[in-house]
Amino acid sequence: MLLGLTLTFAFCWLPIHILELLHCSRLLSDTFYLNHIRILTIARVIAHGLSYSNSSLNPLLYAILNKSYFSDRH
């Protein structure tokens, strides 16, 4: 259960952290940023959506991955 929750958390939050790291540390040159602004904006929107989706996935994962949840119901 813990591995599934951890992997889901990493999958949902890693993209936004990578984009923010690249942006804040100025690893992307201004020329690259200006040439790819559309792609980076779309990637940022998708990354934010993934990070928000983690909050809605958590209750589902706890219910699905917790074996005692189903055994207590019967």
Protein backbone atom coordinates (compact mmCIF):
# COMPACT_ATOMS: atom_id res chain seq x y z
CA MET A 1 0.00 0.00 0.00
CA LEU A 2 2.74 2.45 0.95
CA LEU A 3 4.65 1.83 -2.28
CA GLY A 4 1.55 2.52 -4.39
CA LEU A 5 0.82 5.77 -2.55
CA THR A 6 4.45 6.88 -2.80
CA LEU A 7 4.67 6.16 -6.52
CA THR A 8 1.41 7.98 -7.18
CA PHE A 9 2.62 10.97 -5.17
CA ALA A 10 5.92 11.04 -7.08
CA PHE A 11 4.16 10.69 -10.46
CA CYS A 12 1.76 13.52 -9.64
CA TRP A 13 4.17 15.99 -8.06
CA LEU A 14 7.50 15.38 -9.84
CA PRO A 15 6.64 17.19 -13.11
CA ILE A 16 5.71 20.47 -11.42
CA HIS A 17 8.81 20.33 -9.23
CA ILE A 18 11.05 19.74 -12.24
CA LEU A 19 9.47 22.65 -14.13
CA GLU A 20 9.79 24.95 -11.11
CA LEU A 21 13.40 23.89 -10.56
CA LEU A 22 14.24 24.66 -14.18
CA HIS A 23 12.47 28.00 -13.98
CA CYS A 24 13.84 29.18 -10.62
CA SER A 25 17.41 28.03 -11.17
CA ARG A 26 17.46 29.64 -14.63
CA LEU A 27 18.80 26.44 -16.21
CA LEU A 28 16.79 27.24 -19.34
CA SER A 29 18.23 30.09 -21.35
CA ASP A 30 16.01 33.03 -22.17
CA THR A 31 16.23 32.14 -25.86
CA PHE A 32 15.10 28.56 -25.22
CA TYR A 33 12.31 29.79 -22.98
CA LEU A 34 11.04 32.28 -25.56
CA ASN A 35 11.25 29.74 -28.40
CA HIS A 36 9.32 27.11 -26.45
CA ILE A 37 6.96 29.24 -24.36
CA ARG A 38 3.84 27.53 -25.74
CA ILE A 39 5.09 24.02 -24.95
CA LEU A 40 6.32 25.07 -21.51
CA THR A 41 2.98 26.72 -20.72
CA ILE A 42 1.07 23.59 -21.73
CA ALA A 43 3.48 21.44 -19.71
CA ARG A 44 2.97 23.70 -16.69
CA VAL A 45 -0.84 23.44 -16.95
CA ILE A 46 -0.65 19.64 -17.23
CA ALA A 47 1.82 19.45 -14.33
CA HIS A 48 -0.46 21.56 -12.12
CA GLY A 49 -3.40 19.34 -13.06
CA LEU A 50 -1.43 16.25 -12.09
CA SER A 51 -0.44 17.74 -8.75
CA TYR A 52 -4.06 18.64 -7.99
CA SER A 53 -5.26 15.20 -9.06
CA ASN A 54 -3.13 13.64 -6.33
CA SER A 55 -5.58 14.98 -3.74
CA SER A 56 -8.51 13.25 -5.42
CA LEU A 57 -6.59 10.02 -5.97
CA ASN A 58 -5.52 9.61 -2.33
CA PRO A 59 -8.92 8.55 -0.90
CA LEU A 60 -9.46 6.17 -3.80
CA LEU A 61 -6.05 4.60 -3.36
CA TYR A 62 -6.51 4.22 0.38
CA ALA A 63 -9.82 2.45 -0.22
CA ILE A 64 -8.50 0.22 -3.01
CA LEU A 65 -5.11 -0.64 -1.52
CA ASN A 66 -6.24 -1.13 2.08
CA LYS A 67 -7.17 -4.81 2.35
CA SER A 68 -8.93 -4.41 5.68
CA TYR A 69 -11.32 -1.83 4.19
CA PHE A 70 -13.14 -4.47 2.19
CA SER A 71 -12.91 -7.24 4.80
CA ASP A 72 -14.54 -5.00 7.45
CA ARG A 73 -17.48 -4.24 5.17
CA HIS A 74 -18.65 -7.88 4.92
